[in-house]
């Protein structure tokens, strides 16, 4: 099979499109013919400096496709079924082998392409807002990087829950487009101090729940922008700043800073997480959840896809399509 591989970490130029051995089906799992790869933020971070499990290494956390083979101990998947899968690595390939517990069936009437983008981004947004952020109707949520995968999901889920929704993005055009997804007030962080803007928009109170996937100095600002007893969830370091935030402002406001890692919840609390993701995938059918695909790249152009993701120009998701 073909795969986008690399032998050392670095810029997108490290990618090579090569033949690699077909994956072996685990007894408790499946082999999937990949039809769409959802490019996740963690994929670019891993390619830039993550651990290689072998050489060549196939990166990638999430994909969708059709079950090709079912292991002898697997009980819930069947050959020919459309599924979405998550994994520690391996999605940037024509085939992937995963445990069946890492898969979700895609119902009839749901397009596989947006479904393939759901588990990590929407699951992370849900956990940030509700499981750890404890967002309630009438509260204010601030979502950083609103035009990204987690951001767009968080805006929709927070609005559906009855919250006032604020979000940051790098242009007024992006913020205007986000209004159709439930955004109440947009903050252009390239032109405005987002902390001051949040204070102004909330009458000086601050945001009750903040979803921060940027880290660094942005996370430091999030701590200041949070309301009394506010909850700040940190889910990544997309800004790639070598800045350790000052956490002193947490104490006088009795604020909480909470690290969120969806993969750990899936592994340790699958009885909660799996039906939550099933619900979000099913929500695509009536568009109560919307996934925007910004751009599609052939799998052979993985380098170009990663380069585009790192440009921060995308509005929504980037996917790779095996040829």
Protein backbone atom coordinates (compact mmCIF):
# COMPACT_ATOMS: atom_id res chain seq x y z
CA UNK A 1 0.00 0.00 0.00
CA UNK A 2 1.00 3.63 -0.35
CA UNK A 3 1.53 5.95 2.60
CA UNK A 4 2.86 9.42 3.39
CA UNK A 5 5.91 8.64 5.53
CA UNK A 6 8.98 10.29 7.00
CA UNK A 7 12.29 9.09 8.40
CA UNK A 8 13.01 12.09 10.59
CA UNK A 9 10.91 14.85 12.10
CA UNK A 10 10.98 18.39 10.78
CA UNK A 11 9.23 20.63 8.27
CA UNK A 12 6.58 19.27 5.89
CA UNK A 13 9.41 18.61 3.42
CA UNK A 14 10.32 15.44 5.37
CA UNK A 15 7.32 13.62 3.82
CA UNK A 16 7.85 10.89 1.24
CA UNK A 17 5.09 9.03 -0.62
CA UNK A 18 6.17 5.40 -0.63
CA UNK A 19 5.11 1.76 -0.63
CA UNK A 20 4.92 0.28 2.86
CA UNK A 21 3.77 -3.16 4.10
CA UNK A 22 0.04 -3.71 4.53
CA UNK A 23 -1.07 -3.64 8.19
CA UNK A 24 -1.84 -6.88 10.01
CA UNK A 25 -5.31 -7.25 11.46
CA UNK A 26 -5.23 -7.58 15.27
CA UNK A 27 -7.45 -10.29 16.81
CA UNK A 28 -9.59 -7.64 18.54
CA UNK A 29 -9.57 -5.19 15.67
CA UNK A 30 -10.10 -4.40 12.03
CA UNK A 31 -8.24 -3.35 8.90
CA UNK A 32 -9.78 -0.32 7.20
CA UNK A 33 -9.49 0.80 3.59
CA UNK A 34 -8.98 4.50 4.21
CA UNK A 35 -11.14 6.84 2.13
CA UNK A 36 -10.50 10.10 3.98
CA UNK A 37 -7.85 11.27 6.45
CA UNK A 38 -8.78 14.04 8.88
CA UNK A 39 -5.70 16.21 9.38
CA UNK A 40 -5.48 16.94 13.11
CA UNK A 41 -3.46 19.66 14.82
CA UNK A 42 -1.52 17.00 16.67
CA UNK A 43 -0.44 15.49 13.35
CA UNK A 44 1.55 18.60 12.44
CA UNK A 45 3.07 18.83 15.92
CA UNK A 46 4.06 15.16 15.83
CA UNK A 47 5.62 15.51 12.39
CA UNK A 48 7.58 18.55 13.55
CA UNK A 49 9.09 16.90 16.61
CA UNK A 50 7.27 13.84 17.91
CA UNK A 51 8.47 10.32 18.60
CA UNK A 52 9.00 7.93 15.70
CA UNK A 53 7.83 4.37 16.40
CA UNK A 54 9.84 3.15 13.41
CA UNK A 55 11.40 4.19 10.12
CA UNK A 56 9.56 4.91 7.96
CA UNK A 57 6.96 6.44 10.28
CA UNK A 58 3.31 6.96 9.30
CA UNK A 59 1.80 9.85 11.22
CA UNK A 60 -1.87 10.58 11.84
CA UNK A 61 -4.56 10.27 14.49
CA UNK A 62 -7.87 9.93 12.62
CA UNK A 63 -9.46 8.65 9.43
CA UNK A 64 -12.61 7.21 7.93
CA UNK A 65 -13.10 4.32 5.55
CA UNK A 66 -14.57 0.88 4.96
CA UNK A 67 -13.79 -2.23 6.99
CA UNK A 68 -11.72 -4.63 4.90
CA UNK A 69 -10.98 -7.34 7.48
CA UNK A 70 -12.28 -8.23 10.95
CA UNK A 71 -10.21 -9.94 13.63
CA UNK A 72 -11.29 -13.22 15.22
CA UNK A 73 -12.08 -11.58 18.58
CA UNK A 74 -13.87 -8.50 17.23
CA UNK A 75 -17.62 -8.59 17.82
CA UNK A 76 -19.07 -5.25 16.73
CA UNK A 77 -17.68 -4.54 13.25
CA UNK A 78 -18.35 -6.21 9.90
CA UNK A 79 -16.65 -6.27 6.52
CA UNK A 80 -17.97 -3.51 4.28
CA UNK A 81 -19.10 -1.28 7.17
CA UNK A 82 -18.26 2.42 7.03
CA UNK A 83 -16.35 3.52 10.13
CA UNK A 84 -14.36 6.35 11.64
CA UNK A 85 -11.23 5.43 13.58
CA UNK A 86 -8.72 7.07 15.91
CA UNK A 87 -5.20 5.81 16.55
CA UNK A 88 -1.83 6.88 17.99
CA UNK A 89 -0.34 6.98 14.48
CA UNK A 90 -0.91 5.57 11.01
CA UNK A 91 -3.80 7.48 9.42
CA UNK A 92 -1.77 8.91 6.50
CA UNK A 93 -2.01 5.66 4.56
CA UNK A 94 -4.26 3.68 2.22
CA UNK A 95 -4.99 1.15 4.98
CA UNK A 96 -4.83 1.12 8.75
CA UNK A 97 -5.28 -1.52 11.46
CA UNK A 98 -6.92 -0.54 14.76
CA UNK A 99 -8.72 -2.12 17.71
CA UNK A 100 -12.48 -2.12 17.17
CA UNK A 101 -12.83 -0.08 20.38
CA UNK A 102 -11.14 2.77 18.49
CA UNK A 103 -13.84 2.79 15.79
CA UNK A 104 -17.34 4.20 15.40
CA UNK A 105 -19.88 3.12 12.81
CA UNK A 106 -21.15 5.78 10.41
CA UNK A 107 -24.97 5.64 10.08
CA UNK A 108 -26.75 5.62 6.73
CA UNK A 109 -27.46 9.15 5.63
CA UNK A 110 -24.23 10.54 7.11
CA UNK A 111 -21.43 11.47 4.74
CA UNK A 112 -18.16 9.72 5.62
CA UNK A 113 -15.99 12.79 4.96
CA UNK A 114 -17.35 15.06 7.73
CA UNK A 115 -17.85 12.06 10.00
CA UNK A 116 -14.13 11.33 9.74
CA UNK A 117 -13.47 14.75 11.28
CA UNK A 118 -15.66 14.29 14.35
CA UNK A 119 -14.18 12.17 17.17
CA UNK A 120 -11.06 14.05 18.27
CA UNK A 121 -12.07 17.65 17.55
CA UNK A 122 -15.73 17.46 18.59
CA UNK A 123 -15.02 15.09 21.46
CA UNK A 124 -12.34 17.46 22.73
CA UNK A 125 -14.67 20.46 22.43
CA UNK A 126 -17.42 18.61 24.30
CA UNK A 127 -15.08 17.60 27.12
CA UNK A 128 -13.62 21.11 27.42
CA UNK A 129 -17.02 22.74 27.67
CA UNK A 130 -19.01 20.26 29.72
CA UNK A 131 -17.10 17.40 31.35
CA UNK A 132 -14.29 19.63 32.63
CA UNK A 133 -15.55 23.18 31.97
CA UNK A 134 -19.00 22.52 33.50
CA UNK A 135 -20.59 25.10 31.20
CA UNK A 136 -24.16 26.05 32.11
CA UNK A 137 -26.88 27.87 30.19
CA UNK A 138 -26.56 31.64 30.61
CA UNK A 139 -22.79 31.55 31.13
CA UNK A 140 -20.20 32.99 28.75
CA UNK A 141 -17.78 30.78 26.82
CA UNK A 142 -14.64 32.08 25.11
CA UNK A 143 -13.25 29.87 22.34
CA UNK A 144 -9.78 30.52 20.99
CA UNK A 145 -8.93 29.68 17.37
CA UNK A 146 -12.61 29.70 16.51
CA UNK A 147 -12.07 28.83 12.85
CA UNK A 148 -10.23 25.58 13.67
CA UNK A 149 -11.66 22.11 14.19
CA UNK A 150 -12.02 22.24 17.98
CA UNK A 151 -13.00 25.90 17.82
CA UNK A 152 -15.87 25.53 15.35
CA UNK A 153 -17.20 22.53 17.26
CA UNK A 154 -16.99 24.37 20.59
CA UNK A 155 -18.87 27.38 19.21
CA UNK A 156 -21.74 25.19 18.03
CA UNK A 157 -21.94 23.10 21.21
CA UNK A 158 -21.73 26.11 23.53
CA UNK A 159 -24.45 27.96 21.63
CA UNK A 160 -26.67 24.88 21.65
CA UNK A 161 -26.22 24.72 25.44
CA UNK A 162 -27.55 28.26 25.87
CA UNK A 163 -24.27 30.09 26.48
CA UNK A 164 -23.13 33.47 25.20
CA UNK A 165 -20.29 32.60 22.81
CA UNK A 166 -17.18 34.68 22.21
CA UNK A 167 -14.35 33.55 19.93
CA UNK A 168 -10.99 34.73 18.65
CA UNK A 169 -9.65 34.49 15.11
CA UNK A 170 -7.03 36.27 13.01
CA UNK A 171 -9.37 38.16 10.66
CA UNK A 172 -12.73 39.88 10.65
CA UNK A 173 -13.75 37.81 7.62
CA UNK A 174 -13.34 34.57 9.58
CA UNK A 175 -15.24 35.97 12.53
CA UNK A 176 -18.11 37.08 10.32
CA UNK A 177 -18.35 33.57 8.85
CA UNK A 178 -18.46 32.05 12.33
CA UNK A 179 -21.67 33.89 13.19
CA UNK A 180 -23.74 31.34 11.27
CA UNK A 181 -22.38 28.65 13.61
CA UNK A 182 -23.54 30.44 16.76
CA UNK A 183 -20.88 33.05 17.46
CA UNK A 184 -22.26 36.06 19.35
CA UNK A 185 -19.14 38.26 19.46
CA UNK A 186 -15.89 37.86 17.55
CA UNK A 187 -12.49 39.17 18.66
CA UNK A 188 -9.78 39.77 16.07
CA UNK A 189 -6.67 38.99 18.12
CA UNK A 190 -4.43 40.46 15.40
CA UNK A 191 -5.93 43.89 16.01
CA UNK A 192 -7.37 43.78 19.53
CA UNK A 193 -6.24 42.85 23.03
CA UNK A 194 -8.55 39.89 23.56
CA UNK A 195 -8.41 40.18 27.36
CA UNK A 196 -9.69 43.76 27.25
CA UNK A 197 -12.31 42.81 24.66
CA UNK A 198 -13.62 39.94 26.82
CA UNK A 199 -13.87 42.23 29.82
CA UNK A 200 -15.76 44.84 27.80
CA UNK A 201 -18.15 42.31 26.27
CA UNK A 202 -18.97 40.81 29.67
CA UNK A 203 -19.34 44.07 31.60
CA UNK A 204 -16.00 43.51 33.35
CA UNK A 205 -16.90 40.03 34.59
CA UNK A 206 -14.89 37.80 32.25
CA UNK A 207 -15.66 34.45 30.62
CA UNK A 208 -16.95 31.54 32.69
CA UNK A 209 -15.39 28.84 30.50
CA UNK A 210 -12.44 29.28 28.14
CA UNK A 211 -11.31 26.72 25.57
CA UNK A 212 -7.62 27.39 24.85
CA UNK A 213 -5.84 25.34 22.19
CA UNK A 214 -3.13 27.96 21.60
CA UNK A 215 -1.11 27.98 24.82
CA UNK A 216 1.83 30.23 25.63
CA UNK A 217 1.05 33.91 26.09
CA UNK A 218 -2.52 33.30 24.92
CA UNK A 219 -3.09 30.90 27.81
CA UNK A 220 -1.66 33.49 30.18
CA UNK A 221 -4.19 35.98 28.84
CA UNK A 222 -6.97 33.42 29.19
CA UNK A 223 -6.27 33.12 32.90
CA UNK A 224 -6.67 36.87 33.28
CA UNK A 225 -9.77 36.95 31.05
CA UNK A 226 -11.62 34.32 33.07
CA UNK A 227 -14.40 35.32 35.44
CA UNK A 228 -14.41 34.70 39.19
CA UNK A 229 -14.48 30.90 39.54
CA UNK A 230 -13.88 30.68 35.79
CA UNK A 231 -12.65 27.43 34.25
CA UNK A 232 -9.86 27.52 31.67
CA UNK A 233 -9.32 24.31 29.70
CA UNK A 234 -5.98 23.94 27.93
CA UNK A 235 -5.90 21.45 25.06
CA UNK A 236 -2.78 22.22 23.07
CA UNK A 237 0.05 24.53 22.13
CA UNK A 238 -0.83 25.44 18.58
CA UNK A 239 0.91 28.78 19.00
CA UNK A 240 4.21 26.94 19.58
CA UNK A 241 5.47 29.65 21.90
CA UNK A 242 8.15 28.75 24.41
CA UNK A 243 6.32 30.77 27.07
CA UNK A 244 5.44 29.41 30.49
CA UNK A 245 2.23 31.18 31.54
CA UNK A 246 2.10 33.01 34.85
CA UNK A 247 -0.59 31.20 36.84
CA UNK A 248 -0.63 33.59 39.81
CA UNK A 249 -3.90 35.27 38.66
CA UNK A 250 -5.71 31.97 39.28
CA UNK A 251 -5.64 32.33 43.05
CA UNK A 252 -7.41 35.63 43.81
CA UNK A 253 -10.21 34.71 41.41
CA UNK A 254 -10.55 31.09 42.60
CA UNK A 255 -10.14 30.11 38.95
CA UNK A 256 -9.37 26.62 37.65
CA UNK A 257 -6.83 25.69 34.96
CA UNK A 258 -7.61 22.23 33.60
CA UNK A 259 -5.59 20.18 31.14
CA UNK A 260 -7.77 18.16 28.75
CA UNK A 261 -6.58 15.17 26.70
CA UNK A 262 -9.35 13.40 24.83
CA UNK A 263 -7.26 10.28 24.20
CA UNK A 264 -6.96 9.54 27.91
CA UNK A 265 -10.70 9.88 28.43
CA UNK A 266 -11.37 7.54 25.50
CA UNK A 267 -9.01 4.95 26.99
CA UNK A 268 -10.09 5.26 30.62
CA UNK A 269 -13.76 6.28 30.37
CA UNK A 270 -14.90 4.83 27.07
CA UNK A 271 -18.34 4.07 28.52
CA UNK A 272 -18.94 7.84 28.61
CA UNK A 273 -16.95 8.95 25.58
CA UNK A 274 -18.06 6.42 22.97
CA UNK A 275 -21.80 7.24 23.08
CA UNK A 276 -20.97 10.95 23.17
CA UNK A 277 -19.03 10.62 19.89
CA UNK A 278 -21.79 8.42 18.42
CA UNK A 279 -24.26 11.21 19.17
CA UNK A 280 -22.13 13.83 17.45
CA UNK A 281 -21.64 11.69 14.34
CA UNK A 282 -25.41 11.10 14.15
CA UNK A 283 -25.98 14.87 14.55
CA UNK A 284 -24.41 15.41 11.12
CA UNK A 285 -27.53 13.94 9.49
CA UNK A 286 -29.82 16.84 10.47
CA UNK A 287 -26.98 19.42 10.51
CA UNK A 288 -27.42 20.16 14.19
CA UNK A 289 -23.65 19.72 14.02
CA UNK A 290 -21.83 21.05 10.96
CA UNK A 291 -18.33 20.22 9.78
CA UNK A 292 -16.79 22.54 7.22
CA UNK A 293 -14.17 21.06 4.89
CA UNK A 294 -11.88 23.90 3.86
CA UNK A 295 -9.61 22.00 1.48
CA UNK A 296 -8.93 18.51 0.17
CA UNK A 297 -5.49 17.21 -0.78
CA UNK A 298 -4.44 13.90 -2.35
CA UNK A 299 -2.59 11.75 0.16
CA UNK A 300 0.49 12.05 -2.04
CA UNK A 301 0.45 15.79 -1.26
CA UNK A 302 0.62 15.37 2.52
CA UNK A 303 3.46 17.89 2.68
CA UNK A 304 1.33 20.56 1.00
CA UNK A 305 -1.60 19.75 3.32
CA UNK A 306 0.56 20.10 6.45
CA UNK A 307 2.07 23.30 5.10
CA UNK A 308 -1.40 24.73 4.53
CA UNK A 309 -2.51 23.69 8.02
CA UNK A 310 0.46 25.49 9.53
CA UNK A 311 -0.31 28.65 7.55
CA UNK A 312 -3.41 29.11 9.74
CA UNK A 313 -5.42 30.13 6.69
CA UNK A 314 -7.93 27.29 6.87
CA UNK A 315 -11.54 27.86 7.85
CA UNK A 316 -12.63 24.47 9.11
CA UNK A 317 -11.02 21.12 8.37
CA UNK A 318 -8.35 19.85 5.99
CA UNK A 319 -8.60 16.30 4.68
CA UNK A 320 -6.37 13.97 2.68
CA UNK A 321 -7.84 11.60 0.11
CA UNK A 322 -5.96 8.41 -0.83
CA UNK A 323 -5.72 8.11 -4.60
